[in-house]
Amino acid sequence: MSPPPPPPPAPPPPPTTPLTARCEGLARRRLHACVGISPFNGYFHAQRIAELARWALEGFDDVHFFVPDTLAAHTLEAVGYPPERAAWKARRQGQHVRNKVTTALTALGLSAQAAQARILAGATLDANDRYRALHQEVRARYRADRAFRAACLEGAHWVLERRLPPGAAPTAAQRATAVRYLLGELPLFLDTPGIVGTAESVFCYHRTPLFLRQLFGGELSCRPVPGQGFLEVAPR
């Protein structure tokens, strides 16, 4: 009987780009990664999530996956879905994405329970004291700080422009609705370490919008904690 064929080689790690010198130092220490997985984004198919899971588990001491499931309802509302329909559609897609993350992690040897514990989604974050405090803080800042509000609304524009017909620009009302998505994910860019209970973390995503460049570049009135970094993980 001939021996079984060798397993296929692991794919090469994706190119990564730290946003700042501080982010580079945090990424080099590899203590913790928080990988953003967006619902309703075709980039995050099952194979891509599996690749990101392998890369993160092999490269960092610990890892979580941020799935903004309930937050996605705000984007759906902004493009015309009624609130109840938007919430239902976001929950359904969020469950689909969480299942893909769980499948990827269990294939790498984690138990289903351990895999699910590494997913930061709406219900988990809503029960997290540090997340709730940060979310309240950024919403208050959005109301009080005109420059911060303008930057957030521009960030909402970036989120919306890929969901509107070509050439269409979001209205002021659409941006005011969609900005709730950005304000809900902002705590993860400010203090993932405080949310998950680690000393340092780098948030990992495949694109870097202007808002995050401003945030980590010190151009906004709020600042990430010293142990918070950002790492762009380039698509292949």
C-alpha atoms as a PDB file:
ATOM      1  CA  MET A   1       0.000   0.000   0.000  1.00  0.00           C
ATOM      2  CA  SER A   2       1.437   3.350  -0.967  1.00  0.00           C
ATOM      3  CA  PRO A   3       1.828   5.958   1.780  1.00  0.00           C
ATOM      4  CA  PRO A   4      -0.809   8.680   1.972  1.00  0.00           C
ATOM      5  CA  PRO A   5       0.032  11.870   0.123  1.00  0.00           C
ATOM      6  CA  PRO A   6       1.569  14.611   2.245  1.00  0.00           C
ATOM      7  CA  PRO A   7      -0.756  17.385   3.390  1.00  0.00           C
ATOM      8  CA  PRO A   8      -0.762  20.477   1.206  1.00  0.00           C
ATOM      9  CA  PRO A   9       1.665  23.169   2.354  1.00  0.00           C
ATOM     10  CA  ALA A  10       0.247  25.987   4.430  1.00  0.00           C
ATOM     11  CA  PRO A  11      -0.305  29.182   2.442  1.00  0.00           C
ATOM     12  CA  PRO A  12       2.308  31.896   2.937  1.00  0.00           C
ATOM     13  CA  PRO A  13       1.389  34.496   5.548  1.00  0.00           C
ATOM     14  CA  PRO A  14      -0.348  37.581   4.169  1.00  0.00           C
ATOM     15  CA  PRO A  15       1.632  40.813   3.890  1.00  0.00           C
ATOM     16  CA  THR A  16       1.039  43.064   6.879  1.00  0.00           C
ATOM     17  CA  THR A  17       1.529  46.793   7.378  1.00  0.00           C
ATOM     18  CA  PRO A  18       1.514  48.418  10.847  1.00  0.00           C
ATOM     19  CA  LEU A  19      -0.183  51.797  10.845  1.00  0.00           C
ATOM     20  CA  THR A  20       2.411  53.562  13.037  1.00  0.00           C
ATOM     21  CA  ALA A  21       5.771  52.834  14.648  1.00  0.00           C
ATOM     22  CA  ARG A  22       3.975  52.052  17.901  1.00  0.00           C
ATOM     23  CA  CYS A  23       1.696  49.635  16.048  1.00  0.00           C
ATOM     24  CA  GLU A  24       4.784  47.982  14.590  1.00  0.00           C
ATOM     25  CA  GLY A  25       6.227  47.389  18.053  1.00  0.00           C
ATOM     26  CA  LEU A  26       2.965  45.915  19.316  1.00  0.00           C
ATOM     27  CA  ALA A  27       2.666  43.672  16.270  1.00  0.00           C
ATOM     28  CA  ARG A  28       6.238  42.470  16.703  1.00  0.00           C
ATOM     29  CA  ARG A  29       5.566  41.401  20.298  1.00  0.00           C
ATOM     30  CA  ARG A  30       2.583  39.327  19.064  1.00  0.00           C
ATOM     31  CA  LEU A  31       0.753  39.194  22.365  1.00  0.00           C
ATOM     32  CA  HIS A  32      -2.800  39.495  21.054  1.00  0.00           C
ATOM     33  CA  ALA A  33      -4.625  40.067  17.775  1.00  0.00           C
ATOM     34  CA  CYS A  34      -8.227  41.076  17.231  1.00  0.00           C
ATOM     35  CA  VAL A  35      -9.220  40.171  13.677  1.00  0.00           C
ATOM     36  CA  GLY A  36     -12.137  42.102  12.203  1.00  0.00           C
ATOM     37  CA  ILE A  37     -14.584  39.997  10.163  1.00  0.00           C
ATOM     38  CA  SER A  38     -17.276  42.096   8.481  1.00  0.00           C
ATOM     39  CA  PRO A  39     -20.741  40.711   7.713  1.00  0.00           C
ATOM     40  CA  PHE A  40     -22.053  41.362   4.185  1.00  0.00           C
ATOM     41  CA  ASN A  41     -18.497  41.593   2.842  1.00  0.00           C
ATOM     42  CA  GLY A  42     -17.637  39.090   0.122  1.00  0.00           C
ATOM     43  CA  TYR A  43     -13.951  39.306   1.000  1.00  0.00           C
ATOM     44  CA  PHE A  44     -14.620  37.183   4.086  1.00  0.00           C
ATOM     45  CA  HIS A  45     -15.535  33.908   2.443  1.00  0.00           C
ATOM     46  CA  ALA A  46     -14.920  30.660   4.324  1.00  0.00           C
ATOM     47  CA  GLN A  47     -11.450  30.062   2.891  1.00  0.00           C
ATOM     48  CA  ARG A  48     -10.294  33.602   3.691  1.00  0.00           C
ATOM     49  CA  ILE A  49     -11.534  33.297   7.275  1.00  0.00           C
ATOM     50  CA  ALA A  50      -9.740  29.953   7.599  1.00  0.00           C
ATOM     51  CA  GLU A  51      -6.522  31.543   6.324  1.00  0.00           C
ATOM     52  CA  LEU A  52      -6.833  34.465   8.724  1.00  0.00           C
ATOM     53  CA  ALA A  53      -7.568  32.124  11.628  1.00  0.00           C
ATOM     54  CA  ARG A  54      -4.476  30.033  10.909  1.00  0.00           C
ATOM     55  CA  TRP A  55      -2.305  33.116  10.515  1.00  0.00           C
ATOM     56  CA  ALA A  56      -3.554  34.644  13.765  1.00  0.00           C
ATOM     57  CA  LEU A  57      -3.353  31.487  15.883  1.00  0.00           C
ATOM     58  CA  GLU A  58       0.118  30.652  14.645  1.00  0.00           C
ATOM     59  CA  GLY A  59       1.423  34.199  14.930  1.00  0.00           C
ATOM     60  CA  PHE A  60       0.009  35.508  18.229  1.00  0.00           C
ATOM     61  CA  ASP A  61      -0.179  34.278  21.791  1.00  0.00           C
ATOM     62  CA  ASP A  62      -3.929  34.845  21.836  1.00  0.00           C
ATOM     63  CA  VAL A  63      -6.562  36.005  19.379  1.00  0.00           C
ATOM     64  CA  HIS A  64     -10.163  37.176  19.176  1.00  0.00           C
ATOM     65  CA  PHE A  65     -12.405  37.772  16.186  1.00  0.00           C
ATOM     66  CA  PHE A  66     -14.635  40.841  16.071  1.00  0.00           C
ATOM     67  CA  VAL A  67     -17.918  40.220  14.219  1.00  0.00           C
ATOM     68  CA  PRO A  68     -20.082  43.390  14.251  1.00  0.00           C
ATOM     69  CA  ASP A  69     -23.293  41.485  13.704  1.00  0.00           C
ATOM     70  CA  THR A  70     -25.934  43.620  15.395  1.00  0.00           C
ATOM     71  CA  LEU A  71     -24.105  46.802  14.397  1.00  0.00           C
ATOM     72  CA  ALA A  72     -24.549  45.918  10.731  1.00  0.00           C
ATOM     73  CA  ALA A  73     -28.253  46.718  11.100  1.00  0.00           C
ATOM     74  CA  HIS A  74     -27.378  50.436  11.166  1.00  0.00           C
ATOM     75  CA  THR A  75     -25.772  50.212   7.720  1.00  0.00           C
ATOM     76  CA  LEU A  76     -28.764  48.301   6.372  1.00  0.00           C
ATOM     77  CA  GLU A  77     -31.138  50.933   7.755  1.00  0.00           C
ATOM     78  CA  ALA A  78     -29.046  53.654   6.134  1.00  0.00           C
ATOM     79  CA  VAL A  79     -29.462  52.084   2.695  1.00  0.00           C
ATOM     80  CA  GLY A  80     -33.218  51.724   3.062  1.00  0.00           C
ATOM     81  CA  TYR A  81     -34.158  48.646   5.071  1.00  0.00           C
ATOM     82  CA  PRO A  82     -36.919  49.117   7.663  1.00  0.00           C
ATOM     83  CA  PRO A  83     -35.490  48.798  11.201  1.00  0.00           C
ATOM     84  CA  GLU A  84     -37.051  45.415  12.013  1.00  0.00           C
ATOM     85  CA  ARG A  85     -36.007  43.922   8.680  1.00  0.00           C
ATOM     86  CA  ALA A  86     -32.504  45.372   9.063  1.00  0.00           C
ATOM     87  CA  ALA A  87     -32.135  43.874  12.545  1.00  0.00           C
ATOM     88  CA  TRP A  88     -33.358  40.459  11.380  1.00  0.00           C
ATOM     89  CA  LYS A  89     -31.085  40.434   8.348  1.00  0.00           C
ATOM     90  CA  ALA A  90     -28.077  41.508  10.435  1.00  0.00           C
ATOM     91  CA  ARG A  91     -28.721  38.782  13.034  1.00  0.00           C
ATOM     92  CA  ARG A  92     -29.039  36.135  10.355  1.00  0.00           C
ATOM     93  CA  GLN A  93     -25.874  37.151   8.522  1.00  0.00           C
ATOM     94  CA  GLY A  94     -24.035  37.539  11.818  1.00  0.00           C
ATOM     95  CA  GLN A  95     -24.869  33.968  12.770  1.00  0.00           C
ATOM     96  CA  HIS A  96     -23.600  32.805   9.391  1.00  0.00           C
ATOM     97  CA  VAL A  97     -20.298  34.623   9.870  1.00  0.00           C
ATOM     98  CA  ARG A  98     -19.889  33.407  13.461  1.00  0.00           C
ATOM     99  CA  ASN A  99     -20.435  29.853  12.233  1.00  0.00           C
ATOM    100  CA  LYS A 100     -17.674  30.286   9.651  1.00  0.00           C
ATOM    101  CA  VAL A 101     -15.277  31.581  12.303  1.00  0.00           C
ATOM    102  CA  THR A 102     -16.148  28.700  14.629  1.00  0.00           C
ATOM    103  CA  THR A 103     -15.620  26.185  11.833  1.00  0.00           C
ATOM    104  CA  ALA A 104     -12.239  27.681  10.996  1.00  0.00           C
ATOM    105  CA  LEU A 105     -11.075  27.589  14.605  1.00  0.00           C
ATOM    106  CA  THR A 106     -12.295  24.056  15.337  1.00  0.00           C
ATOM    107  CA  ALA A 107     -10.497  22.855  12.197  1.00  0.00           C
ATOM    108  CA  LEU A 108      -7.320  24.204  13.807  1.00  0.00           C
ATOM    109  CA  GLY A 109      -7.853  22.177  16.977  1.00  0.00           C
ATOM    110  CA  LEU A 110      -9.958  24.397  19.247  1.00  0.00           C
ATOM    111  CA  SER A 111     -13.079  23.047  20.865  1.00  0.00           C
ATOM    112  CA  ALA A 112     -16.356  24.617  19.776  1.00  0.00           C
ATOM    113  CA  GLN A 113     -16.667  26.246  23.201  1.00  0.00           C
ATOM    114  CA  ALA A 114     -13.150  27.705  23.022  1.00  0.00           C
ATOM    115  CA  ALA A 115     -13.777  28.933  19.488  1.00  0.00           C
ATOM    116  CA  GLN A 116     -17.012  30.689  20.415  1.00  0.00           C
ATOM    117  CA  ALA A 117     -15.327  32.317  23.406  1.00  0.00           C
ATOM    118  CA  ARG A 118     -12.951  34.038  20.984  1.00  0.00           C
ATOM    119  CA  ILE A 119     -15.725  35.724  19.007  1.00  0.00           C
ATOM    120  CA  LEU A 120     -16.568  39.280  20.010  1.00  0.00           C
ATOM    121  CA  ALA A 121     -20.069  39.912  18.688  1.00  0.00           C
ATOM    122  CA  GLY A 122     -22.970  42.092  19.765  1.00  0.00           C
ATOM    123  CA  ALA A 123     -24.286  40.072  22.696  1.00  0.00           C
ATOM    124  CA  THR A 124     -20.805  39.512  24.149  1.00  0.00           C
ATOM    125  CA  LEU A 125     -19.810  43.155  23.856  1.00  0.00           C
ATOM    126  CA  ASP A 126     -23.090  44.469  25.243  1.00  0.00           C
ATOM    127  CA  ALA A 127     -22.343  42.510  28.430  1.00  0.00           C
ATOM    128  CA  ASN A 128     -18.766  43.836  28.675  1.00  0.00           C
ATOM    129  CA  ASP A 129     -18.323  46.725  31.146  1.00  0.00           C
ATOM    130  CA  ARG A 130     -15.317  48.255  29.408  1.00  0.00           C
ATOM    131  CA  TYR A 131     -16.959  48.127  26.004  1.00  0.00           C
ATOM    132  CA  ARG A 132     -20.149  49.736  27.312  1.00  0.00           C
ATOM    133  CA  ALA A 133     -18.212  52.532  29.008  1.00  0.00           C
ATOM    134  CA  LEU A 134     -16.213  53.275  25.857  1.00  0.00           C
ATOM    135  CA  HIS A 135     -19.306  53.152  23.679  1.00  0.00           C
ATOM    136  CA  GLN A 136     -21.026  55.661  25.945  1.00  0.00           C
ATOM    137  CA  GLU A 137     -17.917  57.861  25.902  1.00  0.00           C
ATOM    138  CA  VAL A 138     -17.585  57.983  22.111  1.00  0.00           C
ATOM    139  CA  ARG A 139     -21.283  58.706  21.659  1.00  0.00           C
ATOM    140  CA  ALA A 140     -21.023  61.621  24.078  1.00  0.00           C
ATOM    141  CA  ARG A 141     -17.935  62.883  22.277  1.00  0.00           C
ATOM    142  CA  TYR A 142     -19.744  62.598  18.952  1.00  0.00           C
ATOM    143  CA  ARG A 143     -22.502  64.862  20.253  1.00  0.00           C
ATOM    144  CA  ALA A 144     -20.170  67.420  21.850  1.00  0.00           C
ATOM    145  CA  ASP A 145     -17.088  67.580  19.596  1.00  0.00           C
ATOM    146  CA  ARG A 146     -17.732  69.050  16.157  1.00  0.00           C
ATOM    147  CA  ALA A 147     -14.404  67.972  14.629  1.00  0.00           C
ATOM    148  CA  PHE A 148     -14.750  64.440  15.957  1.00  0.00           C
ATOM    149  CA  ARG A 149     -18.324  64.276  14.666  1.00  0.00           C
ATOM    150  CA  ALA A 150     -17.194  65.387  11.203  1.00  0.00           C
ATOM    151  CA  ALA A 151     -14.488  62.708  11.116  1.00  0.00           C
ATOM    152  CA  CYS A 152     -16.996  60.052  12.203  1.00  0.00           C
ATOM    153  CA  LEU A 153     -19.480  61.098   9.532  1.00  0.00           C
ATOM    154  CA  GLU A 154     -16.755  60.905   6.917  1.00  0.00           C
ATOM    155  CA  GLY A 155     -15.981  57.414   8.190  1.00  0.00           C
ATOM    156  CA  ALA A 156     -19.658  56.534   7.783  1.00  0.00           C
ATOM    157  CA  HIS A 157     -19.448  57.799   4.203  1.00  0.00           C
ATOM    158  CA  TRP A 158     -16.629  55.284   3.602  1.00  0.00           C
ATOM    159  CA  VAL A 159     -18.776  52.471   5.005  1.00  0.00           C
ATOM    160  CA  LEU A 160     -21.772  53.436   2.872  1.00  0.00           C
ATOM    161  CA  GLU A 161     -20.141  54.176  -0.456  1.00  0.00           C
ATOM    162  CA  ARG A 162     -19.616  50.478  -1.233  1.00  0.00           C
ATOM    163  CA  ARG A 163     -23.309  49.709  -0.632  1.00  0.00           C
ATOM    164  CA  LEU A 164     -24.814  52.424  -2.803  1.00  0.00           C
ATOM    165  CA  PRO A 165     -25.244  52.398  -6.588  1.00  0.00           C
ATOM    166  CA  PRO A 166     -22.166  53.573  -8.539  1.00  0.00           C
ATOM    167  CA  GLY A 167     -21.936  57.336  -8.532  1.00  0.00           C
ATOM    168  CA  ALA A 168     -24.435  57.783  -5.691  1.00  0.00           C
ATOM    169  CA  ALA A 169     -23.348  59.724  -2.630  1.00  0.00           C
ATOM    170  CA  PRO A 170     -24.884  59.101   0.812  1.00  0.00           C
ATOM    171  CA  THR A 171     -27.203  61.776   2.118  1.00  0.00           C
ATOM    172  CA  ALA A 172     -26.717  63.499   5.446  1.00  0.00           C
ATOM    173  CA  ALA A 173     -29.531  61.381   6.907  1.00  0.00           C
ATOM    174  CA  GLN A 174     -27.935  58.171   5.655  1.00  0.00           C
ATOM    175  CA  ARG A 175     -24.591  59.107   7.177  1.00  0.00           C
ATOM    176  CA  ALA A 176     -26.242  60.015  10.481  1.00  0.00           C
ATOM    177  CA  THR A 177     -27.772  56.530  10.600  1.00  0.00           C
ATOM    178  CA  ALA A 178     -24.703  54.627   9.421  1.00  0.00           C
ATOM    179  CA  VAL A 179     -22.390  56.429  11.853  1.00  0.00           C
ATOM    180  CA  ARG A 180     -23.873  54.317  14.649  1.00  0.00           C
ATOM    181  CA  TYR A 181     -22.009  51.362  13.135  1.00  0.00           C
ATOM    182  CA  LEU A 182     -18.703  53.216  13.389  1.00  0.00           C
ATOM    183  CA  LEU A 183     -19.383  54.410  16.939  1.00  0.00           C
ATOM    184  CA  GLY A 184     -20.192  50.837  17.930  1.00  0.00           C
ATOM    185  CA  GLU A 185     -16.926  49.426  16.623  1.00  0.00           C
ATOM    186  CA  LEU A 186     -14.770  52.343  17.774  1.00  0.00           C
ATOM    187  CA  PRO A 187     -14.204  50.892  21.291  1.00  0.00           C
ATOM    188  CA  LEU A 188     -12.294  48.010  19.671  1.00  0.00           C
ATOM    189  CA  PHE A 189      -9.954  50.519  18.008  1.00  0.00           C
ATOM    190  CA  LEU A 190      -9.466  52.390  21.274  1.00  0.00           C
ATOM    191  CA  ASP A 191      -8.978  49.674  23.876  1.00  0.00           C
ATOM    192  CA  THR A 192      -9.276  46.039  22.851  1.00  0.00           C
ATOM    193  CA  PRO A 193      -6.827  45.187  25.690  1.00  0.00           C
ATOM    194  CA  GLY A 194      -9.267  46.576  28.261  1.00  0.00           C
ATOM    195  CA  ILE A 195     -12.185  44.777  26.665  1.00  0.00           C
ATOM    196  CA  VAL A 196     -10.601  41.313  26.491  1.00  0.00           C
ATOM    197  CA  GLY A 197      -8.262  41.578  29.501  1.00  0.00           C
ATOM    198  CA  THR A 198      -4.816  41.628  27.942  1.00  0.00           C
ATOM    199  CA  ALA A 199      -1.918  44.067  28.107  1.00  0.00           C
ATOM    200  CA  GLU A 200      -1.631  44.768  24.378  1.00  0.00           C
ATOM    201  CA  SER A 201      -3.482  44.078  21.161  1.00  0.00           C
ATOM    202  CA  VAL A 202      -3.381  44.871  17.470  1.00  0.00           C
ATOM    203  CA  PHE A 203      -6.615  45.165  15.527  1.00  0.00           C
ATOM    204  CA  CYS A 204      -6.247  43.448  12.144  1.00  0.00           C
ATOM    205  CA  TYR A 205      -8.174  44.314   9.009  1.00  0.00           C
ATOM    206  CA  HIS A 206      -7.497  44.278   5.276  1.00  0.00           C
ATOM    207  CA  ARG A 207      -8.212  47.957   4.658  1.00  0.00           C
ATOM    208  CA  THR A 208      -7.320  51.149   6.509  1.00  0.00           C
ATOM    209  CA  PRO A 209      -9.852  53.959   6.079  1.00  0.00           C
ATOM    210  CA  LEU A 210      -8.894  57.583   6.610  1.00  0.00           C
ATOM    211  CA  PHE A 211     -10.708  57.660   9.955  1.00  0.00           C
ATOM    212  CA  LEU A 212      -8.327  55.076  11.426  1.00  0.00           C
ATOM    213  CA  ARG A 213      -5.305  56.912  10.046  1.00  0.00           C
ATOM    214  CA  GLN A 214      -6.551  60.031  11.801  1.00  0.00           C
ATOM    215  CA  LEU A 215      -7.295  58.134  15.009  1.00  0.00           C
ATOM    216  CA  PHE A 216      -3.929  56.401  15.293  1.00  0.00           C
ATOM    217  CA  GLY A 217      -2.125  59.453  13.948  1.00  0.00           C
ATOM    218  CA  GLY A 218      -3.299  61.534  16.924  1.00  0.00           C
ATOM    219  CA  GLU A 219      -5.460  63.852  14.817  1.00  0.00           C
ATOM    220  CA  LEU A 220      -8.687  63.275  16.763  1.00  0.00           C
ATOM    221  CA  SER A 221      -9.657  64.292  20.280  1.00  0.00           C
ATOM    222  CA  CYS A 222      -9.755  60.683  21.499  1.00  0.00           C
ATOM    223  CA  ARG A 223      -6.720  58.406  21.476  1.00  0.00           C
ATOM    224  CA  PRO A 224      -6.199  54.643  21.528  1.00  0.00           C
ATOM    225  CA  VAL A 225      -4.645  53.370  24.751  1.00  0.00           C
ATOM    226  CA  PRO A 226      -0.847  52.855  24.560  1.00  0.00           C
ATOM    227  CA  GLY A 227      -1.303  49.092  24.191  1.00  0.00           C
ATOM    228  CA  GLN A 228      -3.653  49.365  21.209  1.00  0.00           C
ATOM    229  CA  GLY A 229      -2.325  48.996  17.663  1.00  0.00           C
ATOM    230  CA  PHE A 230      -3.608  48.477  14.159  1.00  0.00           C
ATOM    231  CA  LEU A 231      -2.262  46.115  11.516  1.00  0.00           C
ATOM    232  CA  GLU A 232      -3.389  46.082   7.922  1.00  0.00           C
ATOM    233  CA  VAL A 233      -3.452  42.490   6.710  1.00  0.00           C
ATOM    234  CA  ALA A 234      -3.353  42.777   2.943  1.00  0.00           C
ATOM    235  CA  PRO A 235      -5.640  40.715   0.722  1.00  0.00           C
ATOM    236  CA  ARG A 236      -4.156  38.150  -1.614  1.00  0.00           C
END
